[in-house]
Amino acid sequence: MGYSLWKEENECIKWLNSKEPNSVVYVKFGSLAVVTPKQLVEFGWGLANAKLPFFWVIRPDLVADKSTIFPSEFVAETKERGLISSWCPQEQVLDHPSVGGFLTHSGWNSTIESLCAGVPMLSLPVFTDQQTNCYCVCNVWGIGMEISNDVKRDQVEKLVRELMKGERGKQMKNKVMEWKKLAEEAASPHGSSSSNLENFVNQVLY
């Protein structure tokens, strides 16, 4: 298990290849969001206590205190089922068959990429459009659950287990697969996305 937070890892796909389908929780909080050292530790122990495989991308600037390290007990607990990296090809990771859930900040790009990959979400919105995106994911589309801003390891553990193994998680997986199909249809050569783009170009040119 790699725990150097400041070194880019390129072995994540190989690691994912070794995992069972829909078994891995992917964790990433975008390119701008920042968490406190306490939040980082609570997320870490929540993931550890859920006892499920996880792949966690921790940017060098994600935590205000760069000296933050995980305790040896955490490393020992998760060494057989966790991978931590500073970067990954997100679309490729979300499309990987072993990824079954995405813990995200609900940025628009991440939300759309997860939806298009058919991956349900746990959401911790931080600022700007993320609250609205989270509301849509959790309350309108029915493909995610929200984590309280006051991050507690017990809640993280509970929601991760529900997402990956629970009945509600199964329902969200079914719904997000329906949304994935709709997204594929919209992006097809004769779909609504292509048609709207063509209409826009025609209006600009003519």
N, C-alpha and C. Protein backbone atom coordinates (compact mmCIF):
# COMPACT_ATOMS: atom_id res chain seq x y z
N MET A 1 0.85 -1.20 0.00
CA MET A 1 0.00 0.00 0.00
C MET A 1 0.88 1.24 0.00
N GLY A 2 0.60 2.18 -0.90
CA GLY A 2 1.42 3.38 -0.97
C GLY A 2 0.84 4.51 -0.15
N TYR A 3 1.68 5.13 0.72
CA TYR A 3 1.20 6.23 1.55
C TYR A 3 2.05 7.48 1.42
N SER A 4 2.82 7.62 0.35
CA SER A 4 3.53 8.86 0.12
C SER A 4 2.57 9.82 -0.57
N LEU A 5 2.08 10.82 0.17
CA LEU A 5 1.04 11.69 -0.36
C LEU A 5 1.55 12.65 -1.42
N TRP A 6 2.85 12.82 -1.51
CA TRP A 6 3.39 13.84 -2.42
C TRP A 6 4.06 13.22 -3.64
N LYS A 7 3.92 11.92 -3.82
CA LYS A 7 4.53 11.23 -4.95
C LYS A 7 3.43 10.70 -5.86
N GLU A 8 3.52 11.02 -7.14
CA GLU A 8 2.50 10.56 -8.08
C GLU A 8 2.59 9.06 -8.28
N GLU A 9 1.45 8.39 -8.19
CA GLU A 9 1.39 6.95 -8.40
C GLU A 9 0.82 6.68 -9.79
N ASN A 10 1.39 5.70 -10.48
CA ASN A 10 0.90 5.34 -11.80
C ASN A 10 0.46 3.89 -11.87
N GLU A 11 0.32 3.24 -10.74
CA GLU A 11 -0.01 1.83 -10.70
C GLU A 11 -1.47 1.58 -10.35
N CYS A 12 -2.29 2.63 -10.34
CA CYS A 12 -3.65 2.46 -9.83
C CYS A 12 -4.48 1.50 -10.70
N ILE A 13 -4.33 1.57 -12.01
CA ILE A 13 -5.12 0.70 -12.88
C ILE A 13 -4.71 -0.76 -12.68
N LYS A 14 -3.42 -0.99 -12.55
CA LYS A 14 -2.95 -2.35 -12.27
C LYS A 14 -3.53 -2.84 -10.95
N TRP A 15 -3.55 -1.97 -9.95
CA TRP A 15 -4.12 -2.33 -8.65
C TRP A 15 -5.61 -2.62 -8.77
N LEU A 16 -6.34 -1.78 -9.50
CA LEU A 16 -7.77 -2.00 -9.69
C LEU A 16 -8.04 -3.32 -10.42
N ASN A 17 -7.14 -3.68 -11.33
CA ASN A 17 -7.31 -4.94 -12.07
C ASN A 17 -7.32 -6.15 -11.15
N SER A 18 -6.73 -6.01 -9.98
CA SER A 18 -6.63 -7.14 -9.04
C SER A 18 -7.86 -7.26 -8.14
N LYS A 19 -8.81 -6.34 -8.28
CA LYS A 19 -9.98 -6.32 -7.39
C LYS A 19 -11.23 -6.87 -8.08
N GLU A 20 -12.17 -7.32 -7.26
CA GLU A 20 -13.42 -7.87 -7.76
C GLU A 20 -14.30 -6.76 -8.36
N PRO A 21 -15.20 -7.11 -9.29
CA PRO A 21 -16.10 -6.10 -9.87
C PRO A 21 -16.94 -5.40 -8.80
N ASN A 22 -17.08 -4.09 -8.95
CA ASN A 22 -17.93 -3.27 -8.06
C ASN A 22 -17.56 -3.40 -6.58
N SER A 23 -16.27 -3.58 -6.30
CA SER A 23 -15.85 -3.79 -4.91
C SER A 23 -15.10 -2.61 -4.31
N VAL A 24 -14.62 -1.67 -5.15
CA VAL A 24 -13.71 -0.62 -4.71
C VAL A 24 -14.45 0.71 -4.55
N VAL A 25 -14.18 1.39 -3.44
CA VAL A 25 -14.64 2.77 -3.25
C VAL A 25 -13.54 3.71 -3.74
N TYR A 26 -13.87 4.55 -4.71
CA TYR A 26 -12.93 5.55 -5.22
C TYR A 26 -13.20 6.87 -4.51
N VAL A 27 -12.15 7.51 -4.00
CA VAL A 27 -12.28 8.74 -3.22
C VAL A 27 -11.42 9.84 -3.82
N LYS A 28 -12.05 10.95 -4.17
CA LYS A 28 -11.29 12.10 -4.68
C LYS A 28 -12.14 13.35 -4.51
N PHE A 29 -11.50 14.45 -4.09
CA PHE A 29 -12.20 15.70 -3.81
C PHE A 29 -11.81 16.81 -4.77
N GLY A 30 -11.69 16.49 -6.04
CA GLY A 30 -11.48 17.51 -7.05
C GLY A 30 -10.11 18.14 -7.02
N SER A 31 -9.99 19.28 -7.69
CA SER A 31 -8.70 19.95 -7.84
C SER A 31 -8.56 21.20 -6.98
N LEU A 32 -9.64 21.63 -6.30
CA LEU A 32 -9.59 22.86 -5.51
C LEU A 32 -10.00 22.68 -4.06
N ALA A 33 -10.86 21.74 -3.78
CA ALA A 33 -11.37 21.57 -2.41
C ALA A 33 -10.24 21.26 -1.44
N VAL A 34 -10.39 21.78 -0.21
CA VAL A 34 -9.39 21.56 0.85
C VAL A 34 -10.10 20.99 2.07
N VAL A 35 -9.47 20.02 2.73
CA VAL A 35 -10.02 19.47 3.96
C VAL A 35 -9.06 19.72 5.11
N THR A 36 -9.57 19.66 6.32
CA THR A 36 -8.72 19.84 7.50
C THR A 36 -8.04 18.52 7.84
N PRO A 37 -6.95 18.58 8.60
CA PRO A 37 -6.31 17.33 9.05
C PRO A 37 -7.29 16.42 9.78
N LYS A 38 -8.18 17.00 10.60
CA LYS A 38 -9.16 16.19 11.32
C LYS A 38 -10.11 15.49 10.36
N GLN A 39 -10.59 16.21 9.33
CA GLN A 39 -11.47 15.59 8.35
C GLN A 39 -10.76 14.45 7.62
N LEU A 40 -9.50 14.67 7.28
CA LEU A 40 -8.72 13.64 6.59
C LEU A 40 -8.66 12.37 7.43
N VAL A 41 -8.37 12.52 8.71
CA VAL A 41 -8.25 11.37 9.60
C VAL A 41 -9.61 10.67 9.76
N GLU A 42 -10.69 11.45 9.89
CA GLU A 42 -12.02 10.86 10.04
C GLU A 42 -12.42 10.09 8.79
N PHE A 43 -12.13 10.65 7.61
CA PHE A 43 -12.39 9.92 6.37
C PHE A 43 -11.58 8.63 6.33
N GLY A 44 -10.30 8.74 6.71
CA GLY A 44 -9.43 7.58 6.67
C GLY A 44 -9.94 6.45 7.54
N TRP A 45 -10.31 6.76 8.78
CA TRP A 45 -10.78 5.72 9.68
C TRP A 45 -12.16 5.22 9.29
N GLY A 46 -12.99 6.08 8.70
CA GLY A 46 -14.28 5.61 8.20
C GLY A 46 -14.10 4.58 7.10
N LEU A 47 -13.17 4.86 6.19
CA LEU A 47 -12.87 3.90 5.12
C LEU A 47 -12.27 2.62 5.69
N ALA A 48 -11.36 2.77 6.64
CA ALA A 48 -10.72 1.60 7.24
C ALA A 48 -11.74 0.71 7.95
N ASN A 49 -12.63 1.34 8.71
CA ASN A 49 -13.60 0.57 9.49
C ASN A 49 -14.68 -0.07 8.63
N ALA A 50 -14.90 0.46 7.43
CA ALA A 50 -15.86 -0.16 6.51
C ALA A 50 -15.34 -1.50 5.98
N LYS A 51 -14.02 -1.68 6.05
CA LYS A 51 -13.37 -2.94 5.67
C LYS A 51 -13.67 -3.35 4.23
N LEU A 52 -13.63 -2.36 3.34
CA LEU A 52 -13.81 -2.58 1.91
C LEU A 52 -12.61 -2.01 1.17
N PRO A 53 -12.30 -2.53 -0.01
CA PRO A 53 -11.19 -1.96 -0.78
C PRO A 53 -11.47 -0.50 -1.15
N PHE A 54 -10.44 0.34 -1.09
CA PHE A 54 -10.61 1.73 -1.48
C PHE A 54 -9.37 2.25 -2.19
N PHE A 55 -9.62 3.17 -3.12
CA PHE A 55 -8.55 3.89 -3.82
C PHE A 55 -8.79 5.36 -3.57
N TRP A 56 -7.83 6.02 -2.91
CA TRP A 56 -8.01 7.39 -2.43
C TRP A 56 -6.95 8.28 -3.06
N VAL A 57 -7.39 9.29 -3.80
CA VAL A 57 -6.48 10.27 -4.39
C VAL A 57 -6.40 11.47 -3.46
N ILE A 58 -5.21 11.72 -2.92
CA ILE A 58 -4.97 12.85 -2.02
C ILE A 58 -3.97 13.79 -2.68
N ARG A 59 -4.48 14.91 -3.19
CA ARG A 59 -3.60 15.89 -3.83
C ARG A 59 -2.60 16.44 -2.82
N PRO A 60 -1.43 16.91 -3.29
CA PRO A 60 -0.47 17.53 -2.38
C PRO A 60 -1.02 18.73 -1.62
N ASP A 61 -2.02 19.42 -2.20
CA ASP A 61 -2.57 20.61 -1.53
C ASP A 61 -3.98 20.36 -0.98
N LEU A 62 -4.39 19.10 -0.84
CA LEU A 62 -5.72 18.81 -0.32
C LEU A 62 -5.85 19.18 1.16
N VAL A 63 -4.78 18.95 1.91
CA VAL A 63 -4.80 19.20 3.35
C VAL A 63 -3.97 20.43 3.67
N ALA A 64 -4.53 21.30 4.51
CA ALA A 64 -3.82 22.54 4.84
C ALA A 64 -2.47 22.26 5.49
N ASP A 65 -2.40 21.25 6.32
CA ASP A 65 -1.16 20.90 7.01
C ASP A 65 -0.49 19.74 6.29
N LYS A 66 0.54 20.03 5.50
CA LYS A 66 1.18 19.00 4.69
C LYS A 66 1.96 17.98 5.51
N SER A 67 2.12 18.25 6.78
CA SER A 67 2.83 17.30 7.63
C SER A 67 1.91 16.19 8.14
N THR A 68 0.62 16.30 7.79
CA THR A 68 -0.33 15.30 8.25
C THR A 68 0.04 13.92 7.74
N ILE A 69 0.09 12.96 8.62
CA ILE A 69 0.37 11.58 8.23
C ILE A 69 -0.64 10.68 8.91
N PHE A 70 -0.83 9.50 8.32
CA PHE A 70 -1.73 8.53 8.93
C PHE A 70 -0.98 7.74 10.00
N PRO A 71 -1.64 7.44 11.10
CA PRO A 71 -0.99 6.66 12.15
C PRO A 71 -0.67 5.25 11.67
N SER A 72 0.31 4.64 12.33
CA SER A 72 0.74 3.29 11.93
C SER A 72 -0.41 2.29 12.03
N GLU A 73 -1.33 2.51 12.97
CA GLU A 73 -2.46 1.60 13.12
C GLU A 73 -3.35 1.62 11.87
N PHE A 74 -3.50 2.81 11.29
CA PHE A 74 -4.30 2.92 10.07
C PHE A 74 -3.63 2.18 8.92
N VAL A 75 -2.33 2.36 8.78
CA VAL A 75 -1.58 1.69 7.71
C VAL A 75 -1.69 0.17 7.87
N ALA A 76 -1.54 -0.32 9.09
CA ALA A 76 -1.63 -1.75 9.34
C ALA A 76 -3.02 -2.29 9.03
N GLU A 77 -4.04 -1.51 9.38
CA GLU A 77 -5.42 -1.95 9.18
C GLU A 77 -5.79 -2.05 7.71
N THR A 78 -5.23 -1.17 6.87
CA THR A 78 -5.69 -1.06 5.48
C THR A 78 -4.67 -1.51 4.44
N LYS A 79 -3.53 -2.00 4.85
CA LYS A 79 -2.45 -2.26 3.89
C LYS A 79 -2.82 -3.29 2.83
N GLU A 80 -3.73 -4.20 3.13
CA GLU A 80 -4.09 -5.24 2.17
C GLU A 80 -5.22 -4.83 1.23
N ARG A 81 -5.89 -3.71 1.52
CA ARG A 81 -7.07 -3.37 0.71
C ARG A 81 -7.19 -1.90 0.35
N GLY A 82 -6.16 -1.12 0.61
CA GLY A 82 -6.22 0.30 0.28
C GLY A 82 -5.06 0.75 -0.57
N LEU A 83 -5.30 1.75 -1.41
CA LEU A 83 -4.24 2.40 -2.19
C LEU A 83 -4.45 3.89 -2.11
N ILE A 84 -3.39 4.62 -1.80
CA ILE A 84 -3.43 6.09 -1.78
C ILE A 84 -2.44 6.62 -2.79
N SER A 85 -2.89 7.58 -3.59
CA SER A 85 -2.06 8.17 -4.64
C SER A 85 -2.28 9.67 -4.66
N SER A 86 -1.43 10.39 -5.37
CA SER A 86 -1.60 11.83 -5.49
C SER A 86 -2.28 12.24 -6.79
N TRP A 87 -2.49 11.27 -7.68
CA TRP A 87 -3.09 11.59 -8.99
C TRP A 87 -3.63 10.31 -9.61
N CYS A 88 -4.61 10.46 -10.50
CA CYS A 88 -5.07 9.31 -11.29
C CYS A 88 -5.82 9.81 -12.51
N PRO A 89 -5.94 8.98 -13.56
CA PRO A 89 -6.78 9.32 -14.71
C PRO A 89 -8.24 9.03 -14.35
N GLN A 90 -8.96 10.05 -13.90
CA GLN A 90 -10.25 9.83 -13.25
C GLN A 90 -11.26 9.10 -14.12
N GLU A 91 -11.42 9.50 -15.37
CA GLU A 91 -12.42 8.85 -16.22
C GLU A 91 -12.10 7.37 -16.38
N GLN A 92 -10.83 7.05 -16.52
CA GLN A 92 -10.42 5.65 -16.65
C GLN A 92 -10.71 4.88 -15.37
N VAL A 93 -10.48 5.52 -14.24
CA VAL A 93 -10.76 4.87 -12.96
C VAL A 93 -12.26 4.64 -12.79
N LEU A 94 -13.08 5.66 -13.04
CA LEU A 94 -14.52 5.51 -12.88
C LEU A 94 -15.10 4.47 -13.83
N ASP A 95 -14.50 4.32 -15.00
CA ASP A 95 -14.96 3.33 -15.96
C ASP A 95 -14.48 1.92 -15.64
N HIS A 96 -13.58 1.79 -14.69
CA HIS A 96 -13.02 0.47 -14.38
C HIS A 96 -14.09 -0.40 -13.71
N PRO A 97 -14.21 -1.66 -14.12
CA PRO A 97 -15.28 -2.52 -13.58
C PRO A 97 -15.18 -2.80 -12.08
N SER A 98 -14.00 -2.61 -11.48
CA SER A 98 -13.88 -2.88 -10.05
C SER A 98 -14.42 -1.75 -9.18
N VAL A 99 -14.61 -0.56 -9.76
CA VAL A 99 -15.07 0.60 -8.98
C VAL A 99 -16.59 0.55 -8.84
N GLY A 100 -17.05 0.52 -7.58
CA GLY A 100 -18.47 0.41 -7.32
C GLY A 100 -19.09 1.63 -6.68
N GLY A 101 -18.27 2.58 -6.24
CA GLY A 101 -18.78 3.79 -5.61
C GLY A 101 -17.75 4.89 -5.64
N PHE A 102 -18.23 6.14 -5.58
CA PHE A 102 -17.36 7.31 -5.70
C PHE A 102 -17.68 8.27 -4.57
N LEU A 103 -16.70 8.53 -3.70
CA LEU A 103 -16.83 9.54 -2.64
C LEU A 103 -16.23 10.82 -3.20
N THR A 104 -17.07 11.84 -3.40
CA THR A 104 -16.70 13.01 -4.18
C THR A 104 -17.15 14.31 -3.54
N HIS A 105 -16.57 15.41 -4.00
CA HIS A 105 -16.98 16.75 -3.57
C HIS A 105 -18.16 17.27 -4.38
N SER A 106 -18.59 16.51 -5.37
CA SER A 106 -19.73 16.87 -6.23
C SER A 106 -19.46 18.06 -7.13
N GLY A 107 -18.22 18.23 -7.57
CA GLY A 107 -17.97 19.16 -8.66
C GLY A 107 -18.69 18.67 -9.91
N TRP A 108 -19.01 19.60 -10.81
CA TRP A 108 -19.83 19.22 -11.97
C TRP A 108 -19.15 18.18 -12.85
N ASN A 109 -17.86 18.37 -13.13
CA ASN A 109 -17.16 17.40 -13.98
C ASN A 109 -17.18 16.01 -13.34
N SER A 110 -16.85 15.93 -12.06
CA SER A 110 -16.85 14.64 -11.37
C SER A 110 -18.24 14.02 -11.36
N THR A 111 -19.26 14.84 -11.15
CA THR A 111 -20.63 14.34 -11.13
C THR A 111 -21.02 13.73 -12.47
N ILE A 112 -20.74 14.45 -13.54
CA ILE A 112 -21.10 13.95 -14.87
C ILE A 112 -20.29 12.72 -15.23
N GLU A 113 -19.00 12.72 -14.90
CA GLU A 113 -18.15 11.56 -15.21
C GLU A 113 -18.62 10.32 -14.45
N SER A 114 -19.04 10.49 -13.21
CA SER A 114 -19.53 9.36 -12.43
C SER A 114 -20.85 8.86 -12.99
N LEU A 115 -21.74 9.77 -13.33
CA LEU A 115 -23.02 9.39 -13.92
C LEU A 115 -22.82 8.64 -15.22
N CYS A 116 -21.94 9.15 -16.08
CA CYS A 116 -21.70 8.52 -17.38
C CYS A 116 -21.02 7.16 -17.24
N ALA A 117 -20.33 6.94 -16.12
CA ALA A 117 -19.68 5.65 -15.88
C ALA A 117 -20.61 4.67 -15.16
N GLY A 118 -21.76 5.15 -14.70
CA GLY A 118 -22.69 4.29 -13.98
C GLY A 118 -22.24 3.99 -12.57
N VAL A 119 -21.64 4.99 -11.89
CA VAL A 119 -21.12 4.79 -10.54
C VAL A 119 -21.89 5.68 -9.56
N PRO A 120 -22.57 5.11 -8.56
CA PRO A 120 -23.27 5.92 -7.56
C PRO A 120 -22.29 6.63 -6.64
N MET A 121 -22.78 7.66 -5.94
CA MET A 121 -21.88 8.58 -5.23
C MET A 121 -22.22 8.79 -3.77
N LEU A 122 -21.18 9.09 -2.99
CA LEU A 122 -21.30 9.72 -1.69
C LEU A 122 -20.76 11.13 -1.85
N SER A 123 -21.48 12.11 -1.37
CA SER A 123 -21.15 13.50 -1.68
C SER A 123 -20.82 14.31 -0.43
N LEU A 124 -19.71 15.06 -0.52
CA LEU A 124 -19.35 16.06 0.49
C LEU A 124 -19.12 17.39 -0.22
N PRO A 125 -20.19 18.15 -0.51
CA PRO A 125 -20.02 19.42 -1.21
C PRO A 125 -19.30 20.44 -0.34
N VAL A 126 -18.47 21.26 -0.99
CA VAL A 126 -17.65 22.23 -0.25
C VAL A 126 -18.08 23.66 -0.55
N PHE A 127 -18.20 24.04 -1.82
CA PHE A 127 -18.55 25.41 -2.16
C PHE A 127 -19.14 25.49 -3.56
N THR A 128 -19.52 26.73 -3.95
CA THR A 128 -20.07 27.11 -5.26
C THR A 128 -21.19 26.16 -5.69
N ASP A 129 -21.06 25.56 -6.89
CA ASP A 129 -22.15 24.76 -7.45
C ASP A 129 -22.29 23.39 -6.81
N GLN A 130 -21.36 23.05 -5.92
CA GLN A 130 -21.33 21.67 -5.42
C GLN A 130 -22.55 21.31 -4.59
N GLN A 131 -23.08 22.28 -3.84
CA GLN A 131 -24.29 22.01 -3.06
C GLN A 131 -25.47 21.69 -3.97
N THR A 132 -25.59 22.45 -5.06
CA THR A 132 -26.68 22.20 -6.01
C THR A 132 -26.51 20.86 -6.69
N ASN A 133 -25.28 20.56 -7.10
CA ASN A 133 -25.01 19.27 -7.74
C ASN A 133 -25.34 18.12 -6.79
N CYS A 134 -24.93 18.28 -5.53
CA CYS A 134 -25.21 17.27 -4.51
C CYS A 134 -26.71 17.07 -4.33
N TYR A 135 -27.45 18.17 -4.29
CA TYR A 135 -28.90 18.08 -4.14
C TYR A 135 -29.52 17.28 -5.28
N CYS A 136 -29.08 17.56 -6.50
CA CYS A 136 -29.60 16.83 -7.66
C CYS A 136 -29.25 15.35 -7.58
N VAL A 137 -28.00 15.06 -7.26
CA VAL A 137 -27.55 13.67 -7.17
C VAL A 137 -28.35 12.89 -6.12
N CYS A 138 -28.53 13.49 -4.95
CA CYS A 138 -29.13 12.77 -3.82
C CYS A 138 -30.65 12.82 -3.79
N ASN A 139 -31.23 13.96 -4.18
CA ASN A 139 -32.67 14.17 -3.97
C ASN A 139 -33.50 14.19 -5.24
N VAL A 140 -32.88 14.43 -6.38
CA VAL A 140 -33.62 14.49 -7.65
C VAL A 140 -33.38 13.23 -8.47
N TRP A 141 -32.11 12.89 -8.67
CA TRP A 141 -31.78 11.73 -9.51
C TRP A 141 -31.73 10.43 -8.72
N GLY A 142 -31.55 10.50 -7.41
CA GLY A 142 -31.55 9.30 -6.58
C GLY A 142 -30.36 8.39 -6.79
N ILE A 143 -29.17 8.99 -7.03
CA ILE A 143 -27.99 8.18 -7.31
C ILE A 143 -26.85 8.46 -6.33
N GLY A 144 -27.19 9.04 -5.16
CA GLY A 144 -26.13 9.33 -4.20
C GLY A 144 -26.68 9.63 -2.82
N MET A 145 -25.77 9.73 -1.85
CA MET A 145 -26.10 10.10 -0.47
C MET A 145 -25.10 11.15 -0.01
N GLU A 146 -25.57 12.07 0.85
CA GLU A 146 -24.71 13.17 1.30
C GLU A 146 -24.06 12.85 2.64
N ILE A 147 -22.79 13.24 2.77
CA ILE A 147 -22.05 13.13 4.02
C ILE A 147 -22.09 14.48 4.73
N SER A 148 -22.33 14.48 6.02
CA SER A 148 -22.36 15.72 6.79
C SER A 148 -21.02 16.43 6.73
N ASN A 149 -21.07 17.78 6.69
CA ASN A 149 -19.84 18.58 6.64
C ASN A 149 -18.98 18.37 7.88
N ASP A 150 -19.63 18.05 8.99
CA ASP A 150 -18.91 17.73 10.22
C ASP A 150 -18.56 16.25 10.17
N VAL A 151 -17.51 15.94 9.43
CA VAL A 151 -17.19 14.56 9.08
C VAL A 151 -16.91 13.72 10.32
N LYS A 152 -17.63 12.60 10.43
CA LYS A 152 -17.42 11.64 11.52
C LYS A 152 -17.16 10.26 10.92
N ARG A 153 -16.19 9.57 11.49
CA ARG A 153 -15.81 8.27 10.93
C ARG A 153 -16.97 7.27 10.95
N ASP A 154 -17.83 7.33 11.98
CA ASP A 154 -18.94 6.39 12.05
C ASP A 154 -19.91 6.58 10.88
N GLN A 155 -20.17 7.85 10.54
CA GLN A 155 -21.06 8.12 9.42
C GLN A 155 -20.43 7.70 8.11
N VAL A 156 -19.14 7.99 7.94
CA VAL A 156 -18.45 7.58 6.72
C VAL A 156 -18.52 6.06 6.56
N GLU A 157 -18.21 5.35 7.63
CA GLU A 157 -18.27 3.88 7.60
C GLU A 157 -19.67 3.39 7.21
N LYS A 158 -20.69 3.94 7.87
CA LYS A 158 -22.06 3.51 7.62
C LYS A 158 -22.48 3.76 6.18
N LEU A 159 -22.18 4.96 5.66
CA LEU A 159 -22.60 5.30 4.31
C LEU A 159 -21.82 4.52 3.26
N VAL A 160 -20.54 4.29 3.51
CA VAL A 160 -19.75 3.50 2.56
C VAL A 160 -20.31 2.08 2.47
N ARG A 161 -20.63 1.49 3.61
CA ARG A 161 -21.18 0.14 3.60
C ARG A 161 -22.54 0.10 2.91
N GLU A 162 -23.37 1.12 3.17
CA GLU A 162 -24.68 1.16 2.54
C GLU A 162 -24.54 1.32 1.03
N LEU A 163 -23.62 2.17 0.61
CA LEU A 163 -23.39 2.40 -0.82
C LEU A 163 -22.95 1.13 -1.52
N MET A 164 -22.04 0.40 -0.89
CA MET A 164 -21.42 -0.74 -1.56
C MET A 164 -22.15 -2.06 -1.34
N LYS A 165 -22.83 -2.19 -0.19
CA LYS A 165 -23.42 -3.49 0.15
C LYS A 165 -24.91 -3.44 0.49
N GLY A 166 -25.44 -2.26 0.73
CA GLY A 166 -26.80 -2.15 1.23
C GLY A 166 -27.86 -2.13 0.15
N GLU A 167 -29.11 -2.24 0.58
CA GLU A 167 -30.24 -2.24 -0.34
C GLU A 167 -30.37 -0.89 -1.05
N ARG A 168 -30.16 0.19 -0.31
CA ARG A 168 -30.24 1.51 -0.93
C ARG A 168 -29.14 1.68 -1.97
N GLY A 169 -27.96 1.15 -1.68
CA GLY A 169 -26.88 1.20 -2.65
C GLY A 169 -27.23 0.47 -3.94
N LYS A 170 -27.91 -0.67 -3.82
CA LYS A 170 -28.33 -1.42 -5.01
C LYS A 170 -29.33 -0.61 -5.82
N GLN A 171 -30.25 0.06 -5.12
CA GLN A 171 -31.24 0.88 -5.82
C GLN A 171 -30.56 2.03 -6.56
N MET A 172 -29.58 2.66 -5.91
CA MET A 172 -28.86 3.76 -6.55
C MET A 172 -28.07 3.27 -7.75
N LYS A 173 -27.49 2.08 -7.64
CA LYS A 173 -26.75 1.51 -8.77
C LYS A 173 -27.68 1.30 -9.96
N ASN A 174 -28.87 0.77 -9.71
CA ASN A 174 -29.82 0.56 -10.80
C ASN A 174 -30.21 1.89 -11.45
N LYS A 175 -30.44 2.91 -10.61
CA LYS A 175 -30.83 4.21 -11.15
C LYS A 175 -29.71 4.85 -11.95
N VAL A 176 -28.47 4.77 -11.44
CA VAL A 176 -27.37 5.41 -12.15
C VAL A 176 -27.08 4.71 -13.47
N MET A 177 -27.36 3.41 -13.55
CA MET A 177 -27.20 2.71 -14.82
C MET A 177 -28.24 3.19 -15.84
N GLU A 178 -29.43 3.55 -15.36
CA GLU A 178 -30.44 4.14 -16.24
C GLU A 178 -29.97 5.50 -16.75
N TRP A 179 -29.38 6.30 -15.86
CA TRP A 179 -28.85 7.60 -16.26
C TRP A 179 -27.68 7.44 -17.23
N LYS A 180 -26.86 6.43 -17.02
CA LYS A 180 -25.75 6.17 -17.94
C LYS A 180 -26.28 5.89 -19.34
N LYS A 181 -27.32 5.09 -19.42
CA LYS A 181 -27.91 4.78 -20.73
C LYS A 181 -28.46 6.04 -21.40
N LEU A 182 -29.12 6.88 -20.62
CA LEU A 182 -29.65 8.14 -21.17
C LEU A 182 -28.52 9.05 -21.65
N ALA A 183 -27.42 9.08 -20.90
CA ALA A 183 -26.28 9.91 -21.30
C ALA A 183 -25.67 9.40 -22.59
N GLU A 184 -25.57 8.08 -22.73
CA GLU A 184 -25.02 7.50 -23.96
C GLU A 184 -25.91 7.83 -25.15
N GLU A 185 -27.21 7.77 -24.94
CA GLU A 185 -28.14 8.10 -26.02
C GLU A 185 -28.02 9.57 -26.40
N ALA A 186 -27.90 10.44 -25.41
CA ALA A 186 -27.79 11.88 -25.68
C ALA A 186 -26.52 12.21 -26.43
N ALA A 187 -25.43 11.48 -26.15
CA ALA A 187 -24.14 11.76 -26.77
C ALA A 187 -23.94 11.03 -28.09
N SER A 188 -24.89 10.21 -28.49
CA SER A 188 -24.78 9.47 -29.75
C SER A 188 -24.90 10.43 -30.93
N PRO A 189 -24.52 9.99 -32.14
CA PRO A 189 -24.53 10.89 -33.30
C PRO A 189 -25.87 11.59 -33.55
N HIS A 190 -26.97 10.94 -33.22
CA HIS A 190 -28.28 11.55 -33.45
C HIS A 190 -28.99 11.88 -32.13
N GLY A 191 -28.22 11.93 -31.05
CA GLY A 191 -28.80 12.23 -29.74
C GLY A 191 -29.03 13.70 -29.51
N SER A 192 -29.65 14.03 -28.39
CA SER A 192 -30.02 15.42 -28.09
C SER A 192 -28.79 16.31 -27.92
N SER A 193 -27.72 15.79 -27.35
CA SER A 193 -26.52 16.61 -27.16
C SER A 193 -25.93 17.01 -28.50
N SER A 194 -25.81 16.04 -29.40
CA SER A 194 -25.26 16.34 -30.73
C SER A 194 -26.18 17.28 -31.50
N SER A 195 -27.48 17.05 -31.40
CA SER A 195 -28.44 17.90 -32.11
C SER A 195 -28.41 19.33 -31.59
N ASN A 196 -28.35 19.49 -30.27
CA ASN A 196 -28.31 20.83 -29.69
C ASN A 196 -27.04 21.57 -30.08
N LEU A 197 -25.91 20.85 -30.10
CA LEU A 197 -24.66 21.48 -30.51
C LEU A 197 -24.73 21.90 -31.97
N GLU A 198 -25.28 21.04 -32.81
CA GLU A 198 -25.40 21.37 -34.23
C GLU A 198 -26.31 22.58 -34.43
N ASN A 199 -27.42 22.63 -33.69
CA ASN A 199 -28.33 23.77 -33.80
C ASN A 199 -27.66 25.06 -33.35
N PHE A 200 -26.87 24.98 -32.28
CA PHE A 200 -26.16 26.16 -31.79
C PHE A 200 -25.16 26.67 -32.82
N VAL A 201 -24.40 25.76 -33.41
CA VAL A 201 -23.42 26.14 -34.43
C VAL A 201 -24.12 26.79 -35.62
N ASN A 202 -25.24 26.22 -36.03
CA ASN A 202 -25.98 26.78 -37.17
C ASN A 202 -26.49 28.19 -36.86
N GLN A 203 -26.94 28.40 -35.62
CA GLN A 203 -27.42 29.73 -35.24
C GLN A 203 -26.29 30.75 -35.25
N VAL A 204 -25.11 30.33 -34.83
CA VAL A 204 -23.97 31.24 -34.81
C VAL A 204 -23.50 31.56 -36.23
N LEU A 205 -23.47 30.55 -37.07
CA LEU A 205 -22.93 30.73 -38.42
C LEU A 205 -23.92 31.37 -39.38
N TYR A 206 -25.21 31.10 -39.17
CA TYR A 206 -26.20 31.56 -40.15
C TYR A 206 -27.24 32.48 -39.52
